[in-house]
mmCIF file of all heavy atoms, coordinates in Angstrom:
data_MODEL
# 
_entry.id   MODEL 
# 
loop_
_atom_site.group_PDB 
_atom_site.id 
_atom_site.type_symbol 
_atom_site.label_atom_id 
_atom_site.label_alt_id 
_atom_site.label_comp_id 
_atom_site.label_asym_id 
_atom_site.label_entity_id 
_atom_site.label_seq_id 
_atom_site.pdbx_PDB_ins_code 
_atom_site.Cartn_x 
_atom_site.Cartn_y 
_atom_site.Cartn_z 
_atom_site.occupancy 
_atom_site.B_iso_or_equiv 
_atom_site.pdbx_formal_charge 
_atom_site.auth_seq_id 
_atom_site.auth_comp_id 
_atom_site.auth_asym_id 
_atom_site.auth_atom_id 
_atom_site.pdbx_PDB_model_num 
ATOM 1   N N   . LEU A 1 1  ? 143.798 255.323 -47.320 1.00 0.00 ? 1  LEU A N   1 
ATOM 2   C CA  . LEU A 1 1  ? 142.843 256.349 -46.903 1.00 0.00 ? 1  LEU A CA  1 
ATOM 3   C C   . LEU A 1 1  ? 141.946 256.868 -48.028 1.00 0.00 ? 1  LEU A C   1 
ATOM 4   O O   . LEU A 1 1  ? 141.017 257.631 -47.772 1.00 0.00 ? 1  LEU A O   1 
ATOM 5   C CB  . LEU A 1 1  ? 143.592 257.531 -46.274 1.00 0.00 ? 1  LEU A CB  1 
ATOM 6   C CG  . LEU A 1 1  ? 144.443 257.206 -45.044 1.00 0.00 ? 1  LEU A CG  1 
ATOM 7   C CD1 . LEU A 1 1  ? 145.091 258.470 -44.496 1.00 0.00 ? 1  LEU A CD1 1 
ATOM 8   C CD2 . LEU A 1 1  ? 143.607 256.529 -43.959 1.00 0.00 ? 1  LEU A CD2 1 
ATOM 9   N N   . GLY A 1 2  ? 142.256 256.483 -49.255 1.00 0.00 ? 2  GLY A N   1 
ATOM 10  C CA  . GLY A 1 2  ? 141.418 256.919 -50.368 1.00 0.00 ? 2  GLY A CA  1 
ATOM 11  C C   . GLY A 1 2  ? 141.629 258.361 -50.764 1.00 0.00 ? 2  GLY A C   1 
ATOM 12  O O   . GLY A 1 2  ? 140.763 258.979 -51.391 1.00 0.00 ? 2  GLY A O   1 
ATOM 13  N N   . ARG A 1 3  ? 142.783 258.910 -50.437 1.00 0.00 ? 3  ARG A N   1 
ATOM 14  C CA  . ARG A 1 3  ? 143.111 260.285 -50.820 1.00 0.00 ? 3  ARG A CA  1 
ATOM 15  C C   . ARG A 1 3  ? 144.621 260.439 -50.857 1.00 0.00 ? 3  ARG A C   1 
ATOM 16  O O   . ARG A 1 3  ? 145.345 259.772 -50.105 1.00 0.00 ? 3  ARG A O   1 
ATOM 17  C CB  . ARG A 1 3  ? 142.505 261.298 -49.852 1.00 0.00 ? 3  ARG A CB  1 
ATOM 18  C CG  . ARG A 1 3  ? 142.890 261.084 -48.412 1.00 0.00 ? 3  ARG A CG  1 
ATOM 19  C CD  . ARG A 1 3  ? 142.338 262.182 -47.509 1.00 0.00 ? 3  ARG A CD  1 
ATOM 20  N NE  . ARG A 1 3  ? 143.007 263.448 -47.745 1.00 0.00 ? 3  ARG A NE  1 
ATOM 21  C CZ  . ARG A 1 3  ? 142.522 264.619 -47.347 1.00 0.00 ? 3  ARG A CZ  1 
ATOM 22  N NH1 . ARG A 1 3  ? 141.362 264.682 -46.730 1.00 0.00 ? 3  ARG A NH1 1 
ATOM 23  N NH2 . ARG A 1 3  ? 143.190 265.736 -47.568 1.00 0.00 ? 3  ARG A NH2 1 
ATOM 24  N N   . VAL A 1 4  ? 145.091 261.324 -51.732 1.00 0.00 ? 4  VAL A N   1 
ATOM 25  C CA  . VAL A 1 4  ? 146.524 261.549 -51.878 1.00 0.00 ? 4  VAL A CA  1 
ATOM 26  C C   . VAL A 1 4  ? 146.970 262.541 -50.800 1.00 0.00 ? 4  VAL A C   1 
ATOM 27  O O   . VAL A 1 4  ? 146.395 263.629 -50.681 1.00 0.00 ? 4  VAL A O   1 
ATOM 28  C CB  . VAL A 1 4  ? 146.861 262.106 -53.275 1.00 0.00 ? 4  VAL A CB  1 
ATOM 29  C CG1 . VAL A 1 4  ? 148.365 262.340 -53.409 1.00 0.00 ? 4  VAL A CG1 1 
ATOM 30  C CG2 . VAL A 1 4  ? 146.366 261.158 -54.366 1.00 0.00 ? 4  VAL A CG2 1 
ATOM 31  N N   . PRO A 1 5  ? 147.972 262.200 -50.008 1.00 0.00 ? 5  PRO A N   1 
ATOM 32  C CA  . PRO A 1 5  ? 148.429 263.133 -48.971 1.00 0.00 ? 5  PRO A CA  1 
ATOM 33  C C   . PRO A 1 5  ? 149.198 264.300 -49.568 1.00 0.00 ? 5  PRO A C   1 
ATOM 34  O O   . PRO A 1 5  ? 149.766 264.195 -50.665 1.00 0.00 ? 5  PRO A O   1 
ATOM 35  C CB  . PRO A 1 5  ? 149.348 262.262 -48.110 1.00 0.00 ? 5  PRO A CB  1 
ATOM 36  C CG  . PRO A 1 5  ? 149.900 261.257 -49.070 1.00 0.00 ? 5  PRO A CG  1 
ATOM 37  C CD  . PRO A 1 5  ? 148.762 260.948 -50.015 1.00 0.00 ? 5  PRO A CD  1 
ATOM 38  N N   . LEU A 1 6  ? 149.222 265.401 -48.839 1.00 0.00 ? 6  LEU A N   1 
ATOM 39  C CA  . LEU A 1 6  ? 150.090 266.510 -49.202 1.00 0.00 ? 6  LEU A CA  1 
ATOM 40  C C   . LEU A 1 6  ? 151.461 266.236 -48.591 1.00 0.00 ? 6  LEU A C   1 
ATOM 41  O O   . LEU A 1 6  ? 151.587 266.084 -47.371 1.00 0.00 ? 6  LEU A O   1 
ATOM 42  C CB  . LEU A 1 6  ? 149.531 267.824 -48.657 1.00 0.00 ? 6  LEU A CB  1 
ATOM 43  C CG  . LEU A 1 6  ? 150.405 269.068 -48.852 1.00 0.00 ? 6  LEU A CG  1 
ATOM 44  C CD1 . LEU A 1 6  ? 150.670 269.316 -50.335 1.00 0.00 ? 6  LEU A CD1 1 
ATOM 45  C CD2 . LEU A 1 6  ? 149.755 270.287 -48.218 1.00 0.00 ? 6  LEU A CD2 1 
ATOM 46  N N   . HIS A 1 7  ? 152.481 266.149 -49.440 1.00 0.00 ? 7  HIS A N   1 
ATOM 47  C CA  . HIS A 1 7  ? 153.822 265.770 -48.979 1.00 0.00 ? 7  HIS A CA  1 
ATOM 48  C C   . HIS A 1 7  ? 154.753 266.974 -49.036 1.00 0.00 ? 7  HIS A C   1 
ATOM 49  O O   . HIS A 1 7  ? 154.888 267.619 -50.085 1.00 0.00 ? 7  HIS A O   1 
ATOM 50  C CB  . HIS A 1 7  ? 154.375 264.640 -49.856 1.00 0.00 ? 7  HIS A CB  1 
ATOM 51  C CG  . HIS A 1 7  ? 155.804 264.306 -49.575 1.00 0.00 ? 7  HIS A CG  1 
ATOM 52  N ND1 . HIS A 1 7  ? 156.728 264.090 -50.588 1.00 0.00 ? 7  HIS A ND1 1 
ATOM 53  C CD2 . HIS A 1 7  ? 156.480 264.154 -48.403 1.00 0.00 ? 7  HIS A CD2 1 
ATOM 54  C CE1 . HIS A 1 7  ? 157.902 263.807 -50.045 1.00 0.00 ? 7  HIS A CE1 1 
ATOM 55  N NE2 . HIS A 1 7  ? 157.781 263.857 -48.719 1.00 0.00 ? 7  HIS A NE2 1 
ATOM 56  N N   . ILE A 1 8  ? 155.394 267.269 -47.918 1.00 0.00 ? 8  ILE A N   1 
ATOM 57  C CA  . ILE A 1 8  ? 156.444 268.283 -47.863 1.00 0.00 ? 8  ILE A CA  1 
ATOM 58  C C   . ILE A 1 8  ? 157.770 267.547 -47.683 1.00 0.00 ? 8  ILE A C   1 
ATOM 59  O O   . ILE A 1 8  ? 158.020 266.958 -46.625 1.00 0.00 ? 8  ILE A O   1 
ATOM 60  C CB  . ILE A 1 8  ? 156.228 269.262 -46.698 1.00 0.00 ? 8  ILE A CB  1 
ATOM 61  C CG1 . ILE A 1 8  ? 154.825 269.880 -46.758 1.00 0.00 ? 8  ILE A CG1 1 
ATOM 62  C CG2 . ILE A 1 8  ? 157.303 270.339 -46.707 1.00 0.00 ? 8  ILE A CG2 1 
ATOM 63  C CD1 . ILE A 1 8  ? 154.544 270.663 -48.010 1.00 0.00 ? 8  ILE A CD1 1 
ATOM 64  N N   . PRO A 1 9  ? 158.623 267.517 -48.704 1.00 0.00 ? 9  PRO A N   1 
ATOM 65  C CA  . PRO A 1 9  ? 159.874 266.756 -48.614 1.00 0.00 ? 9  PRO A CA  1 
ATOM 66  C C   . PRO A 1 9  ? 160.844 267.345 -47.592 1.00 0.00 ? 9  PRO A C   1 
ATOM 67  O O   . PRO A 1 9  ? 160.853 268.558 -47.332 1.00 0.00 ? 9  PRO A O   1 
ATOM 68  C CB  . PRO A 1 9  ? 160.444 266.841 -50.032 1.00 0.00 ? 9  PRO A CB  1 
ATOM 69  C CG  . PRO A 1 9  ? 159.303 267.243 -50.899 1.00 0.00 ? 9  PRO A CG  1 
ATOM 70  C CD  . PRO A 1 9  ? 158.427 268.092 -50.041 1.00 0.00 ? 9  PRO A CD  1 
ATOM 71  N N   . ALA A 1 10 ? 161.663 266.480 -47.045 1.00 0.00 ? 10 ALA A N   1 
ATOM 72  C CA  . ALA A 1 10 ? 162.664 266.904 -46.068 1.00 0.00 ? 10 ALA A CA  1 
ATOM 73  C C   . ALA A 1 10 ? 163.781 267.694 -46.720 1.00 0.00 ? 10 ALA A C   1 
ATOM 74  O O   . ALA A 1 10 ? 164.349 268.606 -46.106 1.00 0.00 ? 10 ALA A O   1 
ATOM 75  C CB  . ALA A 1 10 ? 163.239 265.678 -45.357 1.00 0.00 ? 10 ALA A CB  1 
ATOM 76  N N   . THR A 1 11 ? 164.112 267.356 -47.937 1.00 0.00 ? 11 THR A N   1 
ATOM 77  C CA  . THR A 1 11 ? 165.213 268.029 -48.640 1.00 0.00 ? 11 THR A CA  1 
ATOM 78  C C   . THR A 1 11 ? 164.658 269.100 -49.564 1.00 0.00 ? 11 THR A C   1 
ATOM 79  O O   . THR A 1 11 ? 163.704 268.870 -50.310 1.00 0.00 ? 11 THR A O   1 
ATOM 80  C CB  . THR A 1 11 ? 166.028 267.011 -49.456 1.00 0.00 ? 11 THR A CB  1 
ATOM 81  O OG1 . THR A 1 11 ? 165.140 266.289 -50.318 1.00 0.00 ? 11 THR A OG1 1 
ATOM 82  C CG2 . THR A 1 11 ? 166.720 266.028 -48.527 1.00 0.00 ? 11 THR A CG2 1 
ATOM 83  N N   . TYR A 1 12 ? 165.268 270.261 -49.489 1.00 0.00 ? 12 TYR A N   1 
ATOM 84  C CA  . TYR A 1 12 ? 164.782 271.398 -50.265 1.00 0.00 ? 12 TYR A CA  1 
ATOM 85  C C   . TYR A 1 12 ? 165.950 272.338 -50.518 1.00 0.00 ? 12 TYR A C   1 
ATOM 86  O O   . TYR A 1 12 ? 166.714 272.675 -49.605 1.00 0.00 ? 12 TYR A O   1 
ATOM 87  C CB  . TYR A 1 12 ? 163.679 272.110 -49.485 1.00 0.00 ? 12 TYR A CB  1 
ATOM 88  C CG  . TYR A 1 12 ? 163.200 273.391 -50.121 1.00 0.00 ? 12 TYR A CG  1 
ATOM 89  C CD1 . TYR A 1 12 ? 162.345 273.369 -51.215 1.00 0.00 ? 12 TYR A CD1 1 
ATOM 90  C CD2 . TYR A 1 12 ? 163.606 274.625 -49.606 1.00 0.00 ? 12 TYR A CD2 1 
ATOM 91  C CE1 . TYR A 1 12 ? 161.897 274.551 -51.794 1.00 0.00 ? 12 TYR A CE1 1 
ATOM 92  C CE2 . TYR A 1 12 ? 163.163 275.818 -50.177 1.00 0.00 ? 12 TYR A CE2 1 
ATOM 93  C CZ  . TYR A 1 12 ? 162.306 275.770 -51.280 1.00 0.00 ? 12 TYR A CZ  1 
ATOM 94  O OH  . TYR A 1 12 ? 161.869 276.927 -51.847 1.00 0.00 ? 12 TYR A OH  1 
ATOM 95  N N   . ASN A 1 13 ? 166.126 272.745 -51.737 1.00 0.00 ? 13 ASN A N   1 
ATOM 96  C CA  . ASN A 1 13 ? 167.213 273.648 -52.122 1.00 0.00 ? 13 ASN A CA  1 
ATOM 97  C C   . ASN A 1 13 ? 166.666 275.071 -52.213 1.00 0.00 ? 13 ASN A C   1 
ATOM 98  O O   . ASN A 1 13 ? 165.996 275.435 -53.172 1.00 0.00 ? 13 ASN A O   1 
ATOM 99  C CB  . ASN A 1 13 ? 167.812 273.220 -53.466 1.00 0.00 ? 13 ASN A CB  1 
ATOM 100 C CG  . ASN A 1 13 ? 169.087 273.976 -53.782 1.00 0.00 ? 13 ASN A CG  1 
ATOM 101 O OD1 . ASN A 1 13 ? 169.246 275.135 -53.411 1.00 0.00 ? 13 ASN A OD1 1 
ATOM 102 N ND2 . ASN A 1 13 ? 170.002 273.316 -54.495 1.00 0.00 ? 13 ASN A ND2 1 
ATOM 103 N N   . ALA A 1 14 ? 166.940 275.848 -51.181 1.00 0.00 ? 14 ALA A N   1 
ATOM 104 C CA  . ALA A 1 14 ? 166.408 277.214 -51.137 1.00 0.00 ? 14 ALA A CA  1 
ATOM 105 C C   . ALA A 1 14 ? 166.968 278.073 -52.265 1.00 0.00 ? 14 ALA A C   1 
ATOM 106 O O   . ALA A 1 14 ? 166.285 278.967 -52.773 1.00 0.00 ? 14 ALA A O   1 
ATOM 107 C CB  . ALA A 1 14 ? 166.722 277.833 -49.784 1.00 0.00 ? 14 ALA A CB  1 
ATOM 108 N N   . ALA A 1 15 ? 168.205 277.803 -52.676 1.00 0.00 ? 15 ALA A N   1 
ATOM 109 C CA  . ALA A 1 15 ? 168.837 278.622 -53.715 1.00 0.00 ? 15 ALA A CA  1 
ATOM 110 C C   . ALA A 1 15 ? 168.126 278.479 -55.051 1.00 0.00 ? 15 ALA A C   1 
ATOM 111 O O   . ALA A 1 15 ? 167.980 279.443 -55.808 1.00 0.00 ? 15 ALA A O   1 
ATOM 112 C CB  . ALA A 1 15 ? 170.306 278.243 -53.852 1.00 0.00 ? 15 ALA A CB  1 
ATOM 113 N N   . THR A 1 16 ? 167.676 277.248 -55.336 1.00 0.00 ? 16 THR A N   1 
ATOM 114 C CA  . THR A 1 16 ? 167.004 276.999 -56.619 1.00 0.00 ? 16 THR A CA  1 
ATOM 115 C C   . THR A 1 16 ? 165.495 276.857 -56.476 1.00 0.00 ? 16 THR A C   1 
ATOM 116 O O   . THR A 1 16 ? 164.788 276.647 -57.455 1.00 0.00 ? 16 THR A O   1 
ATOM 117 C CB  . THR A 1 16 ? 167.565 275.720 -57.256 1.00 0.00 ? 16 THR A CB  1 
ATOM 118 O OG1 . THR A 1 16 ? 167.316 274.612 -56.376 1.00 0.00 ? 16 THR A OG1 1 
ATOM 119 C CG2 . THR A 1 16 ? 169.055 275.836 -57.499 1.00 0.00 ? 16 THR A CG2 1 
ATOM 120 N N   . ASN A 1 17 ? 165.027 276.943 -55.233 1.00 0.00 ? 17 ASN A N   1 
ATOM 121 C CA  . ASN A 1 17 ? 163.595 276.775 -54.951 1.00 0.00 ? 17 ASN A CA  1 
ATOM 122 C C   . ASN A 1 17 ? 163.082 275.449 -55.501 1.00 0.00 ? 17 ASN A C   1 
ATOM 123 O O   . ASN A 1 17 ? 161.993 275.348 -56.065 1.00 0.00 ? 17 ASN A O   1 
ATOM 124 C CB  . ASN A 1 17 ? 162.782 277.927 -55.550 1.00 0.00 ? 17 ASN A CB  1 
ATOM 125 C CG  . ASN A 1 17 ? 161.386 278.016 -54.946 1.00 0.00 ? 17 ASN A CG  1 
ATOM 126 O OD1 . ASN A 1 17 ? 161.184 277.670 -53.778 1.00 0.00 ? 17 ASN A OD1 1 
ATOM 127 N ND2 . ASN A 1 17 ? 160.413 278.462 -55.734 1.00 0.00 ? 17 ASN A ND2 1 
ATOM 128 N N   . ALA A 1 18 ? 163.897 274.400 -55.305 1.00 0.00 ? 18 ALA A N   1 
ATOM 129 C CA  . ALA A 1 18 ? 163.587 273.104 -55.898 1.00 0.00 ? 18 ALA A CA  1 
ATOM 130 C C   . ALA A 1 18 ? 163.426 272.029 -54.823 1.00 0.00 ? 18 ALA A C   1 
ATOM 131 O O   . ALA A 1 18 ? 164.175 271.998 -53.849 1.00 0.00 ? 18 ALA A O   1 
ATOM 132 C CB  . ALA A 1 18 ? 164.684 272.683 -56.866 1.00 0.00 ? 18 ALA A CB  1 
ATOM 133 N N   . GLU A 1 19 ? 162.464 271.153 -55.045 1.00 0.00 ? 19 GLU A N   1 
ATOM 134 C CA  . GLU A 1 19 ? 162.262 269.984 -54.192 1.00 0.00 ? 19 GLU A CA  1 
ATOM 135 C C   . GLU A 1 19 ? 162.883 268.775 -54.892 1.00 0.00 ? 19 GLU A C   1 
ATOM 136 O O   . GLU A 1 19 ? 163.145 268.792 -56.097 1.00 0.00 ? 19 GLU A O   1 
ATOM 137 C CB  . GLU A 1 19 ? 160.774 269.770 -53.919 1.00 0.00 ? 19 GLU A CB  1 
ATOM 138 C CG  . GLU A 1 19 ? 160.173 270.903 -53.086 1.00 0.00 ? 19 GLU A CG  1 
ATOM 139 C CD  . GLU A 1 19 ? 158.709 270.672 -52.756 1.00 0.00 ? 19 GLU A CD  1 
ATOM 140 O OE1 . GLU A 1 19 ? 158.089 269.808 -53.411 1.00 0.00 ? 19 GLU A OE1 1 
ATOM 141 O OE2 . GLU A 1 19 ? 158.187 271.345 -51.854 1.00 0.00 ? 19 GLU A OE2 1 
ATOM 142 N N   . PRO A 1 20 ? 163.109 267.694 -54.152 1.00 0.00 ? 20 PRO A N   1 
ATOM 143 C CA  . PRO A 1 20 ? 163.783 266.525 -54.738 1.00 0.00 ? 20 PRO A CA  1 
ATOM 144 C C   . PRO A 1 20 ? 162.926 265.819 -55.777 1.00 0.00 ? 20 PRO A C   1 
ATOM 145 O O   . PRO A 1 20 ? 161.709 265.987 -55.815 1.00 0.00 ? 20 PRO A O   1 
ATOM 146 C CB  . PRO A 1 20 ? 164.019 265.628 -53.528 1.00 0.00 ? 20 PRO A CB  1 
ATOM 147 C CG  . PRO A 1 20 ? 162.946 266.006 -52.563 1.00 0.00 ? 20 PRO A CG  1 
ATOM 148 C CD  . PRO A 1 20 ? 162.762 267.475 -52.736 1.00 0.00 ? 20 PRO A CD  1 
ATOM 149 N N   . THR A 1 21 ? 163.574 265.055 -56.610 1.00 0.00 ? 21 THR A N   1 
ATOM 150 C CA  . THR A 1 21 ? 162.864 264.248 -57.597 1.00 0.00 ? 21 THR A CA  1 
ATOM 151 C C   . THR A 1 21 ? 162.688 262.839 -57.053 1.00 0.00 ? 21 THR A C   1 
ATOM 152 O O   . THR A 1 21 ? 163.226 262.472 -56.010 1.00 0.00 ? 21 THR A O   1 
ATOM 153 C CB  . THR A 1 21 ? 163.671 264.167 -58.908 1.00 0.00 ? 21 THR A CB  1 
ATOM 154 O OG1 . THR A 1 21 ? 164.890 263.442 -58.653 1.00 0.00 ? 21 THR A OG1 1 
ATOM 155 C CG2 . THR A 1 21 ? 164.013 265.556 -59.411 1.00 0.00 ? 21 THR A CG2 1 
ATOM 156 N N   . GLN A 1 22 ? 161.916 262.030 -57.766 1.00 0.00 ? 22 GLN A N   1 
ATOM 157 C CA  . GLN A 1 22 ? 161.672 260.659 -57.330 1.00 0.00 ? 22 GLN A CA  1 
ATOM 158 C C   . GLN A 1 22 ? 162.961 259.843 -57.292 1.00 0.00 ? 22 GLN A C   1 
ATOM 159 O O   . GLN A 1 22 ? 163.032 258.813 -56.642 1.00 0.00 ? 22 GLN A O   1 
ATOM 160 C CB  . GLN A 1 22 ? 160.660 259.980 -58.263 1.00 0.00 ? 22 GLN A CB  1 
ATOM 161 C CG  . GLN A 1 22 ? 159.242 260.535 -58.118 1.00 0.00 ? 22 GLN A CG  1 
ATOM 162 C CD  . GLN A 1 22 ? 158.250 259.716 -58.914 1.00 0.00 ? 22 GLN A CD  1 
ATOM 163 O OE1 . GLN A 1 22 ? 158.501 258.564 -59.252 1.00 0.00 ? 22 GLN A OE1 1 
ATOM 164 N NE2 . GLN A 1 22 ? 157.104 260.302 -59.216 1.00 0.00 ? 22 GLN A NE2 1 
ATOM 165 N N   . ALA A 1 23 ? 163.988 260.311 -57.985 1.00 0.00 ? 23 ALA A N   1 
ATOM 166 C CA  . ALA A 1 23 ? 165.237 259.557 -58.031 1.00 0.00 ? 23 ALA A CA  1 
ATOM 167 C C   . ALA A 1 23 ? 166.073 259.712 -56.761 1.00 0.00 ? 23 ALA A C   1 
ATOM 168 O O   . ALA A 1 23 ? 167.039 258.986 -56.550 1.00 0.00 ? 23 ALA A O   1 
ATOM 169 C CB  . ALA A 1 23 ? 166.061 260.003 -59.242 1.00 0.00 ? 23 ALA A CB  1 
ATOM 170 N N   . ASP A 1 24 ? 165.735 260.672 -55.895 1.00 0.00 ? 24 ASP A N   1 
ATOM 171 C CA  . ASP A 1 24 ? 166.494 260.878 -54.664 1.00 0.00 ? 24 ASP A CA  1 
ATOM 172 C C   . ASP A 1 24 ? 166.450 259.623 -53.801 1.00 0.00 ? 24 ASP A C   1 
ATOM 173 O O   . ASP A 1 24 ? 165.436 258.932 -53.717 1.00 0.00 ? 24 ASP A O   1 
ATOM 174 C CB  . ASP A 1 24 ? 165.946 262.074 -53.899 1.00 0.00 ? 24 ASP A CB  1 
ATOM 175 C CG  . ASP A 1 24 ? 166.274 263.384 -54.604 1.00 0.00 ? 24 ASP A CG  1 
ATOM 176 O OD1 . ASP A 1 24 ? 167.350 263.464 -55.198 1.00 0.00 ? 24 ASP A OD1 1 
ATOM 177 O OD2 . ASP A 1 24 ? 165.443 264.305 -54.564 1.00 0.00 ? 24 ASP A OD2 1 
# 
């Protein structure tokens, strides 16, 4: 599409406010 999508990951740690890394 010639543009980077906005990605919202399925896994999210609310306690640490952290999203997964590429290693997941």
